[in-house]
Protein backbone atom coordinates (compact mmCIF):
# COMPACT_ATOMS: atom_id res chain seq x y z
CA UNK A 1 -21.60 -52.06 88.72
CA UNK A 2 -25.19 -50.73 87.31
CA UNK A 3 -25.41 -48.91 90.27
CA UNK A 4 -22.48 -47.28 90.30
CA UNK A 5 -23.30 -46.46 87.03
CA UNK A 6 -26.72 -44.82 87.90
CA UNK A 7 -24.51 -43.10 91.03
CA UNK A 8 -22.05 -41.88 88.85
CA UNK A 9 -24.04 -40.24 86.44
CA UNK A 10 -26.09 -38.34 89.02
CA UNK A 11 -23.19 -37.32 91.45
CA UNK A 12 -21.76 -35.53 88.53
CA UNK A 13 -24.73 -33.36 87.60
CA UNK A 14 -24.81 -29.58 89.15
CA UNK A 15 -28.87 -29.70 89.17
CA UNK A 16 -29.10 -33.09 91.39
CA UNK A 17 -28.21 -33.86 95.05
CA UNK A 18 -28.14 -37.78 94.97
CA UNK A 19 -27.53 -39.93 98.47
CA UNK A 20 -27.24 -43.52 98.42
CA UNK A 21 -29.68 -45.57 100.84
CA UNK A 22 -28.53 -49.11 101.89
CA UNK A 23 -31.14 -51.45 103.06
CA UNK A 24 -28.64 -53.04 105.92
CA UNK A 25 -28.11 -49.42 107.18
CA UNK A 26 -29.05 -46.35 109.13
CA UNK A 27 -29.13 -44.12 106.21
CA UNK A 28 -30.90 -40.46 107.59
CA UNK A 29 -33.36 -39.75 104.88
CA UNK A 30 -33.02 -36.29 102.88
CA UNK A 31 -34.72 -33.44 104.10
CA UNK A 32 -36.22 -33.00 100.69
CA UNK A 33 -36.93 -36.12 98.29
CA UNK A 34 -38.37 -35.26 94.62
CA UNK A 35 -37.10 -38.36 93.12
CA UNK A 36 -36.24 -42.11 94.95
CA UNK A 37 -34.77 -44.55 92.83
CA UNK A 38 -34.37 -48.54 92.55
CA UNK A 39 -32.23 -50.62 91.51
CA UNK A 40 -32.78 -54.40 90.99
CA UNK A 41 -30.79 -56.80 89.88
CA UNK A 42 -32.67 -60.12 91.51
CA UNK A 43 -35.87 -61.35 91.41
CA UNK A 44 -35.88 -62.08 95.64
CA UNK A 45 -34.49 -58.42 96.39
CA UNK A 46 -38.16 -57.09 95.39
CA UNK A 47 -40.11 -57.07 98.34
CA UNK A 48 -37.50 -54.68 99.88
CA UNK A 49 -38.92 -51.94 97.60
CA UNK A 50 -41.61 -51.57 100.00
CA UNK A 51 -39.68 -51.45 103.06
CA UNK A 52 -37.37 -48.46 101.55
CA UNK A 53 -40.51 -46.79 100.23
CA UNK A 54 -41.98 -47.26 104.03
CA UNK A 55 -38.88 -46.15 105.83
CA UNK A 56 -39.10 -42.72 103.77
CA UNK A 57 -42.71 -42.33 104.18
CA UNK A 58 -43.67 -42.42 100.70
CA UNK A 59 -47.49 -43.88 100.07
CA UNK A 60 -46.60 -47.85 98.79
CA UNK A 61 -48.71 -47.60 95.44
CA UNK A 62 -48.29 -45.16 93.10
CA UNK A 63 -52.13 -44.77 92.50
CA UNK A 64 -51.70 -43.09 96.06
CA UNK A 65 -49.06 -40.62 95.88
CA UNK A 66 -49.68 -36.84 95.90
CA UNK A 67 -47.98 -33.81 94.25
CA UNK A 68 -45.76 -33.39 97.44
CA UNK A 69 -44.50 -37.04 97.30
CA UNK A 70 -41.45 -37.93 95.34
CA UNK A 71 -41.47 -39.19 91.80
CA UNK A 72 -40.57 -43.46 92.49
CA UNK A 73 -38.94 -44.66 89.42
CA UNK A 74 -37.02 -47.97 89.13
CA UNK A 75 -34.19 -49.95 86.88
CA UNK A 76 -31.67 -52.82 86.96
CA UNK A 77 -32.06 -56.12 84.67
CA UNK A 78 -35.33 -57.42 86.65
CA UNK A 79 -37.24 -54.55 85.56
CA UNK A 80 -36.16 -54.05 82.09
CA UNK A 81 -36.71 -58.19 81.85
CA UNK A 82 -40.50 -58.31 83.66
CA UNK A 83 -41.54 -54.69 85.29
CA UNK A 84 -45.38 -56.11 85.91
CA UNK A 85 -45.17 -57.65 89.39
CA UNK A 86 -43.69 -53.90 90.92
CA UNK A 87 -45.51 -51.88 88.62
CA UNK A 88 -48.11 -50.91 90.78
CA UNK A 89 -45.58 -49.59 92.85
CA UNK A 90 -43.71 -47.51 90.47
CA UNK A 91 -44.35 -44.23 89.07
CA UNK A 92 -42.23 -44.78 86.37
CA UNK A 93 -39.48 -47.88 85.24
CA UNK A 94 -36.16 -46.64 82.95
CA UNK A 95 -36.09 -49.86 80.64
CA UNK A 96 -32.16 -50.59 79.62
CA UNK A 97 -28.71 -49.40 80.21
CA UNK A 98 -28.25 -46.10 82.49
CA UNK A 99 -25.68 -44.34 80.64
CA UNK A 100 -27.78 -42.51 78.11
CA UNK A 101 -31.15 -43.36 79.52
CA UNK A 102 -30.81 -41.65 83.15
CA UNK A 103 -29.72 -38.39 81.57
CA UNK A 104 -33.01 -38.21 79.30
CA UNK A 105 -35.08 -38.84 81.89
CA UNK A 106 -33.57 -36.04 84.22
CA UNK A 107 -33.62 -33.84 80.70
CA UNK A 108 -37.30 -34.58 80.01
CA UNK A 109 -38.52 -34.33 83.69
CA UNK A 110 -36.74 -30.48 84.01
CA UNK A 111 -38.98 -29.85 80.60
CA UNK A 112 -42.06 -30.02 82.69
CA UNK A 113 -40.75 -29.32 85.94
CA UNK A 114 -43.96 -26.81 86.86
CA UNK A 115 -46.61 -29.04 85.69
CA UNK A 116 -48.52 -31.08 87.84
CA UNK A 117 -47.89 -34.65 88.57
CA UNK A 118 -50.12 -36.57 86.07
CA UNK A 119 -48.94 -34.12 83.22
CA UNK A 120 -45.59 -34.88 84.64
CA UNK A 121 -45.81 -38.54 84.20
CA UNK A 122 -47.78 -38.33 80.82
CA UNK A 123 -44.76 -36.31 78.79
CA UNK A 124 -42.46 -38.71 80.61
CA UNK A 125 -44.24 -42.00 78.85
CA UNK A 126 -43.39 -40.41 75.71
CA UNK A 127 -39.68 -40.59 75.90
CA UNK A 128 -38.32 -43.55 74.53
CA UNK A 129 -37.05 -46.47 77.59
CA UNK A 130 -39.28 -44.31 80.22
CA UNK A 131 -42.25 -46.79 80.84
CA UNK A 132 -45.02 -45.06 82.98
CA UNK A 133 -47.14 -48.22 84.43
CA UNK A 134 -50.53 -46.36 85.27
CA UNK A 135 -50.34 -45.40 81.29
CA UNK A 136 -50.74 -48.89 80.25
CA UNK A 137 -53.81 -50.75 80.97
CA UNK A 138 -53.84 -55.21 80.84
CA UNK A 139 -56.85 -56.26 79.20
CA UNK A 140 -57.96 -59.97 80.81
CA UNK A 141 -60.42 -62.85 79.35
CA UNK A 142 -63.28 -64.29 81.49
CA UNK A 143 -61.68 -66.72 82.69
CA UNK A 144 -58.80 -64.66 83.79
CA UNK A 145 -55.92 -65.03 81.08
CA UNK A 146 -53.85 -61.84 79.84
CA UNK A 147 -55.12 -60.70 76.47
CA UNK A 148 -53.57 -57.39 75.92
CA UNK A 149 -51.27 -54.22 77.51
CA UNK A 150 -52.24 -50.88 75.84
CA UNK A 151 -51.93 -47.50 76.31
CA UNK A 152 -54.44 -45.61 77.66
CA UNK A 153 -53.83 -42.29 76.32
CA UNK A 154 -53.25 -41.33 72.58
CA UNK A 155 -49.91 -40.53 71.25
CA UNK A 156 -47.98 -42.92 73.73
CA UNK A 157 -46.29 -45.37 72.21
CA UNK A 158 -47.70 -49.01 71.95
CA UNK A 159 -44.37 -50.90 73.28
CA UNK A 160 -41.81 -49.42 75.49
CA UNK A 161 -38.19 -50.20 73.96
CA UNK A 162 -35.15 -50.96 75.80
CA UNK A 163 -32.40 -48.74 75.51
CA UNK A 164 -29.03 -49.60 74.78
CA UNK A 165 -25.58 -48.12 75.20
CA UNK A 166 -24.06 -47.47 72.31
CA UNK A 167 -20.68 -45.76 73.84
CA UNK A 168 -17.13 -46.97 73.01
CA UNK A 169 -16.86 -47.00 76.60
CA UNK A 170 -18.05 -49.16 79.43
CA UNK A 171 -17.87 -48.90 83.19
CA UNK A 172 -15.30 -49.00 85.98
CA UNK A 173 -15.68 -48.85 89.77
CA UNK A 174 -16.53 -44.98 90.49
CA UNK A 175 -17.12 -46.05 94.75
CA UNK A 176 -14.30 -48.04 96.18
CA UNK A 177 -15.08 -49.18 100.07
CA UNK A 178 -14.30 -52.07 102.21
CA UNK A 179 -18.13 -51.94 103.16
CA UNK A 180 -18.75 -53.23 99.67
CA UNK A 181 -20.25 -56.67 98.99
CA UNK A 182 -16.75 -57.06 97.33
CA UNK A 183 -14.62 -54.71 99.77
CA UNK A 184 -11.57 -52.32 98.44
CA UNK A 185 -12.18 -53.84 94.91
CA UNK A 186 -11.47 -51.55 91.52
CA UNK A 187 -14.20 -53.49 89.30
CA UNK A 188 -13.53 -53.00 85.56
CA UNK A 189 -16.62 -54.07 82.95
CA UNK A 190 -14.23 -55.56 80.26
CA UNK A 191 -17.55 -57.24 78.01
CA UNK A 192 -20.87 -56.72 78.45
CA UNK A 193 -23.34 -59.64 76.91
CA UNK A 194 -21.79 -62.78 75.60
CA UNK A 195 -21.45 -63.99 72.13
CA UNK A 196 -22.59 -67.51 73.26
CA UNK A 197 -26.51 -67.19 74.01
CA UNK A 198 -27.18 -70.06 76.17
CA UNK A 199 -30.75 -70.26 75.66
CA UNK A 200 -31.31 -69.58 79.41
CA UNK A 201 -29.14 -66.43 79.67
CA UNK A 202 -30.61 -63.21 80.90
CA UNK A 203 -27.34 -61.78 81.06
CA UNK A 204 -26.59 -62.25 77.27
CA UNK A 205 -29.94 -61.86 75.71
CA UNK A 206 -30.90 -58.66 77.68
CA UNK A 207 -27.55 -56.98 77.09
CA UNK A 208 -26.71 -57.66 73.63
CA UNK A 209 -24.77 -56.83 71.61
CA UNK A 210 -22.29 -57.82 72.96
CA UNK A 211 -19.51 -55.58 73.53
CA UNK A 212 -15.77 -54.84 74.39
CA UNK A 213 -14.17 -51.74 75.88
CA UNK A 214 -10.58 -50.82 73.95
CA UNK A 215 -7.52 -52.14 76.05
CA UNK A 216 -5.76 -49.37 75.30
CA UNK A 217 -8.23 -46.52 75.35
CA UNK A 218 -10.32 -48.08 78.24
CA UNK A 219 -9.12 -51.32 80.08
CA UNK A 220 -5.38 -50.02 80.71
CA UNK A 221 -6.56 -46.85 81.94
CA UNK A 222 -8.93 -47.86 84.17
CA UNK A 223 -6.86 -50.50 85.85
CA UNK A 224 -4.07 -47.73 86.14
CA UNK A 225 -6.99 -45.57 87.98
CA UNK A 226 -7.92 -48.42 90.32
CA UNK A 227 -4.73 -49.16 91.70
CA UNK A 228 -4.28 -45.61 92.69
CA UNK A 229 -6.10 -46.29 95.56
CA UNK A 230 -6.42 -50.38 96.05
CA UNK A 231 -4.44 -53.20 95.35
CA UNK A 232 -7.65 -55.07 94.18
CA UNK A 233 -8.72 -55.22 90.71
CA UNK A 234 -12.04 -57.03 89.49
CA UNK A 235 -12.39 -57.89 86.02
CA UNK A 236 -16.00 -58.16 85.41
CA UNK A 237 -18.62 -59.44 82.40
CA UNK A 238 -20.62 -62.79 81.43
CA UNK A 239 -17.59 -63.59 79.62
CA UNK A 240 -14.48 -62.00 80.07
CA UNK A 241 -11.79 -64.31 78.45
CA UNK A 242 -14.25 -63.84 75.52
CA UNK A 243 -12.89 -60.02 74.79
CA UNK A 244 -10.85 -60.03 71.41
CA UNK A 245 -7.84 -58.38 72.92
CA UNK A 246 -8.16 -60.42 76.08
CA UNK A 247 -4.33 -61.82 75.61
CA UNK A 248 -2.71 -58.16 75.34
CA UNK A 249 -5.18 -57.26 78.17
CA UNK A 250 -3.14 -60.30 80.12
CA UNK A 251 0.14 -59.28 78.89
CA UNK A 252 -0.29 -55.95 80.11
CA UNK A 253 -1.05 -56.92 83.59
CA UNK A 254 1.99 -59.33 83.49
CA UNK A 255 4.17 -56.25 83.93
CA UNK A 256 6.45 -56.40 86.99
CA UNK A 257 5.02 -52.89 87.88
CA UNK A 258 1.44 -55.11 88.63
CA UNK A 259 3.11 -57.64 90.59
CA UNK A 260 1.60 -56.54 93.46
CA UNK A 261 -1.94 -56.26 92.77
CA UNK A 262 -3.87 -58.94 93.90
CA UNK A 263 -6.39 -59.90 90.56
CA UNK A 264 -9.90 -61.38 90.53
CA UNK A 265 -11.74 -62.50 87.44
CA UNK A 266 -15.52 -63.36 86.94
CA UNK A 267 -16.69 -66.85 85.60
CA UNK A 268 -14.68 -67.53 82.34
CA UNK A 269 -15.24 -70.10 79.39
CA UNK A 270 -13.78 -73.32 79.45
CA UNK A 271 -12.46 -73.12 76.20
CA UNK A 272 -10.76 -69.81 76.69
CA UNK A 273 -8.49 -71.09 79.83
CA UNK A 274 -4.91 -71.19 79.34
CA UNK A 275 -1.88 -72.29 80.46
CA UNK A 276 -0.83 -68.26 80.16
CA UNK A 277 -4.19 -67.20 81.94
CA UNK A 278 -4.15 -69.30 84.96
CA UNK A 279 -0.06 -68.62 85.66
CA UNK A 280 -0.35 -65.01 85.79
CA UNK A 281 -3.78 -65.08 87.83
CA UNK A 282 -1.69 -67.15 90.10
CA UNK A 283 0.96 -64.54 90.07
CA UNK A 284 -1.29 -61.57 90.52
CA UNK A 285 -2.82 -63.63 93.66
CA UNK A 286 -5.49 -65.06 92.50
CA UNK A 287 -6.17 -68.85 94.25
CA UNK A 288 -8.92 -69.88 92.11
CA UNK A 289 -11.20 -69.98 88.96
CA UNK A 290 -14.87 -70.11 88.35
CA UNK A 291 -16.28 -71.84 84.95
CA UNK A 292 -19.94 -72.56 84.07
CA UNK A 293 -20.72 -75.98 82.26
CA UNK A 294 -23.71 -76.16 83.16
CA UNK A 295 -24.14 -79.80 82.45
CA UNK A 296 -22.16 -83.10 82.11
CA UNK A 297 -24.59 -84.20 79.59
CA UNK A 298 -23.29 -83.62 76.18
CA UNK A 299 -27.12 -83.58 74.61
CA UNK A 300 -28.13 -80.69 77.29
CA UNK A 301 -24.96 -78.68 76.69
CA UNK A 302 -25.56 -78.69 73.02
CA UNK A 303 -29.85 -77.97 73.28
CA UNK A 304 -28.57 -75.00 75.35
CA UNK A 305 -25.51 -73.60 72.73
CA UNK A 306 -23.19 -73.83 75.46
CA UNK A 307 -20.84 -75.07 72.67
CA UNK A 308 -18.42 -76.76 75.12
CA UNK A 309 -17.03 -80.25 75.01
CA UNK A 310 -15.89 -82.50 78.04
CA UNK A 311 -12.05 -82.00 76.58
CA UNK A 312 -12.30 -78.26 76.93
CA UNK A 313 -13.43 -78.85 80.69
CA UNK A 314 -10.89 -81.30 81.45
CA UNK A 315 -8.18 -79.24 79.85
CA UNK A 316 -9.34 -76.11 81.75
CA UNK A 317 -9.28 -77.89 85.09
CA UNK A 318 -5.62 -79.19 84.13
CA UNK A 319 -4.51 -75.37 82.78
CA UNK A 320 -5.39 -74.41 86.43
CA UNK A 321 -3.64 -76.77 87.98
CA UNK A 322 -0.59 -76.45 86.37
CA UNK A 323 -0.76 -72.75 86.44
CA UNK A 324 -0.89 -73.03 90.54
CA UNK A 325 -4.27 -72.64 91.16
CA UNK A 326 -5.70 -74.54 94.13
CA UNK A 327 -9.55 -74.56 93.86
CA UNK A 328 -12.00 -74.55 90.74
CA UNK A 329 -15.76 -73.57 90.86
CA UNK A 330 -18.03 -74.84 88.62
CA UNK A 331 -21.48 -73.79 88.37
CA UNK A 332 -23.99 -76.23 86.98
CA UNK A 333 -28.15 -76.53 86.43
CA UNK A 334 -30.79 -78.75 86.63
CA UNK A 335 -34.40 -78.59 85.41
CA UNK A 336 -33.14 -77.62 81.83
CA UNK A 337 -35.82 -78.50 79.40
CA UNK A 338 -35.65 -81.99 77.97
CA UNK A 339 -33.48 -83.27 80.71
CA UNK A 340 -33.37 -86.93 82.38
CA UNK A 341 -31.61 -88.25 85.38
CA UNK A 342 -29.31 -90.00 82.87
CA UNK A 343 -28.03 -86.42 82.12
CA UNK A 344 -27.32 -85.85 85.88
CA UNK A 345 -25.77 -88.67 86.04
CA UNK A 346 -23.61 -87.67 83.52
CA UNK A 347 -22.80 -84.05 85.30
CA UNK A 348 -21.87 -86.31 88.11
CA UNK A 349 -19.34 -89.10 86.38
CA UNK A 350 -17.70 -86.12 84.96
CA UNK A 351 -16.93 -84.42 88.64
CA UNK A 352 -15.95 -87.57 89.63
CA UNK A 353 -13.57 -87.92 86.71
CA UNK A 354 -11.91 -84.58 86.89
CA UNK A 355 -11.82 -84.85 91.07
CA UNK A 356 -9.55 -87.99 90.45
CA UNK A 357 -7.45 -86.95 87.01
CA UNK A 358 -6.55 -83.63 88.83
CA UNK A 359 -5.74 -84.25 92.41
CA UNK A 360 -4.47 -81.08 93.90
CA UNK A 361 -7.35 -79.34 92.45
CA UNK A 362 -9.81 -78.19 95.19
CA UNK A 363 -13.76 -78.96 93.09
CA UNK A 364 -16.62 -76.94 94.13
CA UNK A 365 -19.92 -77.26 92.51
CA UNK A 366 -22.27 -74.87 92.86
CA UNK A 367 -25.58 -75.77 91.01
CA UNK A 368 -29.20 -73.93 90.70
CA UNK A 369 -32.64 -75.21 89.48
CA UNK A 370 -33.41 -73.88 86.38
CA UNK A 371 -35.54 -70.57 86.41
CA UNK A 372 -37.22 -69.06 83.56
CA UNK A 373 -36.81 -65.48 82.72
CA UNK A 374 -38.26 -63.13 80.75
CA UNK A 375 -36.91 -62.00 77.12
CA UNK A 376 -34.96 -65.43 77.00
CA UNK A 377 -35.67 -68.38 74.39
CA UNK A 378 -36.65 -70.02 77.39
CA UNK A 379 -39.36 -68.38 78.88
CA UNK A 380 -41.98 -70.48 77.84
CA UNK A 381 -40.38 -73.10 80.01
CA UNK A 382 -42.11 -73.82 83.86
CA UNK A 383 -39.54 -75.07 86.19
CA UNK A 384 -39.55 -78.61 86.52
CA UNK A 385 -40.56 -80.38 89.93
CA UNK A 386 -38.52 -83.24 89.44
CA UNK A 387 -35.75 -81.03 89.73
CA UNK A 388 -35.51 -81.11 93.59
CA UNK A 389 -35.22 -84.49 93.62
CA UNK A 390 -32.20 -83.87 91.07
CA UNK A 391 -30.46 -81.80 93.25
CA UNK A 392 -30.75 -83.98 95.68
CA UNK A 393 -29.23 -86.53 93.41
CA UNK A 394 -26.13 -84.93 92.32
CA UNK A 395 -25.48 -84.65 96.53
CA UNK A 396 -25.28 -88.07 96.64
CA UNK A 397 -23.59 -88.50 93.87
CA UNK A 398 -20.76 -86.07 94.46
CA UNK A 399 -20.07 -85.72 98.24
CA UNK A 400 -19.07 -89.13 98.65
CA UNK A 401 -15.77 -88.48 96.59
CA UNK A 402 -14.60 -85.12 98.47
CA UNK A 403 -16.61 -82.68 96.11
CA UNK A 404 -18.14 -79.62 97.69
CA UNK A 405 -21.67 -79.14 96.14
CA UNK A 406 -23.54 -75.93 97.13
CA UNK A 407 -26.63 -76.50 96.07
CA UNK A 408 -29.51 -72.86 95.49
CA UNK A 409 -32.58 -73.81 97.38
CA UNK A 410 -35.32 -75.48 95.09
CA UNK A 411 -38.25 -73.25 96.96
CA UNK A 412 -36.76 -69.82 96.80
CA UNK A 413 -35.76 -70.72 92.75
CA UNK A 414 -39.97 -71.28 92.40
CA UNK A 415 -40.17 -67.59 93.72
CA UNK A 416 -37.86 -65.87 91.10
CA UNK A 417 -39.85 -67.72 89.05
CA UNK A 418 -43.01 -66.42 90.31
CA UNK A 419 -41.61 -63.02 89.88
CA UNK A 420 -40.21 -63.64 86.33
CA UNK A 421 -43.24 -65.07 84.79
CA UNK A 422 -45.93 -63.02 86.38
CA UNK A 423 -47.98 -59.68 85.47
CA UNK A 424 -49.06 -56.68 88.07
CA UNK A 425 -51.22 -59.24 89.49
CA UNK A 426 -48.51 -60.29 92.10
CA UNK A 427 -48.19 -56.93 93.53
CA UNK A 428 -50.97 -57.96 96.13
CA UNK A 429 -49.30 -60.80 97.40
CA UNK A 430 -45.69 -58.62 97.42
CA UNK A 431 -47.49 -56.52 99.99
CA UNK A 432 -49.42 -59.36 101.91
CA UNK A 433 -45.33 -60.72 102.14
CA UNK A 434 -44.35 -57.13 103.75
CA UNK A 435 -47.18 -58.13 106.61
CA UNK A 436 -45.69 -61.56 107.00
CA UNK A 437 -42.42 -62.83 108.03
CA UNK A 438 -40.78 -63.55 104.17
CA UNK A 439 -40.54 -67.33 104.34
CA UNK A 440 -41.35 -70.22 101.83
CA UNK A 441 -44.27 -70.99 103.31
CA UNK A 442 -45.49 -67.79 103.55
CA UNK A 443 -45.29 -66.88 99.99
CA UNK A 444 -47.43 -69.57 98.79
CA UNK A 445 -49.79 -68.78 101.31
CA UNK A 446 -49.98 -65.44 100.37
CA UNK A 447 -51.04 -66.37 96.67
CA UNK A 448 -53.12 -69.22 97.62
CA UNK A 449 -55.40 -66.92 99.69
CA UNK A 450 -55.43 -64.02 97.33
CA UNK A 451 -59.08 -62.79 97.25
CA UNK A 452 -60.80 -60.00 95.25
CA UNK A 453 -60.85 -57.40 98.11
CA UNK A 454 -57.17 -57.67 97.46
CA UNK A 455 -57.38 -55.92 94.32
CA UNK A 456 -59.36 -52.72 95.11
CA UNK A 457 -56.57 -50.52 94.91
CA UNK A 458 -55.27 -51.65 91.87
CA UNK A 459 -59.02 -51.27 90.59
CA UNK A 460 -59.27 -48.12 91.72
CA UNK A 461 -56.11 -46.85 89.15
CA UNK A 462 -57.71 -49.22 86.02
CA UNK A 463 -60.75 -48.69 84.21
CA UNK A 464 -61.92 -52.56 84.20
CA UNK A 465 -62.09 -55.13 86.63
CA UNK A 466 -58.67 -57.06 87.69
CA UNK A 467 -59.57 -61.16 88.13
CA UNK A 468 -57.52 -62.93 90.40
CA UNK A 469 -54.30 -64.53 88.51
CA UNK A 470 -53.79 -68.08 87.18
CA UNK A 471 -52.59 -70.68 89.59
CA UNK A 472 -49.26 -71.01 91.05
CA UNK A 473 -48.79 -73.79 89.24
CA UNK A 474 -49.69 -72.24 86.05
CA UNK A 475 -47.54 -69.46 86.96
CA UNK A 476 -44.17 -71.38 88.21
CA UNK A 477 -44.56 -74.90 86.48
CA UNK A 478 -45.99 -74.90 82.71
CA UNK A 479 -44.77 -75.01 80.08
CA UNK A 480 -46.42 -71.98 78.15
CA UNK A 481 -47.93 -72.24 74.75
CA UNK A 482 -46.09 -70.09 72.41
CA UNK A 483 -49.35 -67.97 71.37
CA UNK A 484 -49.73 -67.23 75.24
CA UNK A 485 -49.62 -63.69 75.56
CA UNK A 486 -46.55 -62.62 77.81
CA UNK A 487 -46.85 -60.61 80.93
CA UNK A 488 -44.36 -58.49 79.24
CA UNK A 489 -45.41 -58.49 75.90
CA UNK A 490 -45.03 -54.29 75.42
CA UNK A 491 -41.99 -54.47 76.46
CA UNK A 492 -39.31 -54.57 73.45
CA UNK A 493 -36.07 -56.39 74.17
CA UNK A 494 -32.93 -56.43 72.11
CA UNK A 495 -34.33 -59.49 69.96
CA UNK A 496 -38.23 -59.39 69.26
CA UNK A 497 -40.14 -62.51 70.11
CA UNK A 498 -40.15 -64.13 66.51
CA UNK A 499 -36.48 -64.75 67.02
CA UNK A 500 -36.82 -65.80 70.62
CA UNK A 501 -39.33 -68.44 69.34
CA UNK A 502 -36.80 -69.63 66.82
CA UNK A 503 -33.88 -69.87 68.93
CA UNK A 504 -36.17 -71.80 71.40
CA UNK A 505 -37.45 -74.41 68.29
CA UNK A 506 -33.84 -74.38 67.50
CA UNK A 507 -32.80 -75.56 70.76
CA UNK A 508 -35.28 -78.24 71.11
CA UNK A 509 -34.47 -79.82 67.34
CA UNK A 510 -30.68 -79.67 68.67
CA UNK A 511 -31.44 -81.91 71.57
CA UNK A 512 -33.51 -84.37 69.33
CA UNK A 513 -31.07 -84.87 67.10
CA UNK A 514 -28.44 -85.64 69.67
CA UNK A 515 -27.35 -89.29 69.74
């Protein structure tokens, strides 16, 4: 949806000729390209940036680009949370939500359109929400630890603040196509962020404050617009059913005029599932419900601020069956801070009990490994090595009961953590992965084989020597000290670091007080 917001903003301007490029399509390049933008929603999409740049014949390093080369900009949640691993490849990065930020970027660029490249970037670096990596320089201690990131020009802000859309409206699809990831579906953004604030959740913390679109003024007109071109409607948000007027929206969709549509809904909070919700979903063509339970352990759910009881989970499954749904997809997680093997058994016990008490419902568990995300309270916790065994333990416990379990790759979770927690010294590894086949083994090999000469290009654009990065284990697996200088220290998210620290400590205290 964020990608479509940017596309619509650009396409609606008379001073911009915009085209979309896809990694799986043979798109023809622009005859003249002044700006080249990339949106990153997931860490593992990052290395694709270099393939896109090469395809457009754009030098990979920002420091190598000349006046004739496009200005390369980026955005999206990955780059907003921690842009540093990819910073040397971008001329500028838009930190935040695009509704206002993209127009401000274009208008500011127009103000200096006759300046040379360097002066354009220096000018743009003073615009709120625009991060120009070459205008900031990391400093390191003798043992290679990051000690600060500071601007290298006067009148440039010390920190870049995430820009938040404060308008009353949210977004809906502007491009509907059978070739999309969700084909022929008109997506309507119901809420942004989530009021629960689970301590690991980037979607909640990065997108604060929690916002909801007006049912009468925004959501109903958006649905009516969508059904003119497709019968598939998707309600989108981190916690759709926590919209304060969601019951009113359900009543509206239950009208006879919408009986022919197929309604899809993103993950819902178990405590908000009602017989009315499940029966209307069934009536409108849905066959499944998706619920994130995270853990079957009460103390783990309390620690992460899930605010969800086992009774509420059981009731949600029962309501799904009563409403006529056939499938319930559960999302869980292993490797959360303080988790023990006993907590894994509690998860298995809960799900097997759900299977036994609600026959006729097909249960699927998607389970991932905890990955620390920048700008969240759990950013100081590393990936736990025992998570791999706990994924296997869950599979061993659940498969004999006919429960479909779909574990995410533990190995690729490590790479997510590597990208999420690294500074810009990871850029040469990303460059090396472009040369190698992108496998788990090669990621580790590329990281382990880093040499001083790999940093030549970065040092050309820097006034100081760049040391080799910390070890693979320290980046991925270590629990970091609260006093550690974080790679994204100069990126100011919606919540300041003191509050994030408090939320982390609250989580640990909550766990200690659990029976």
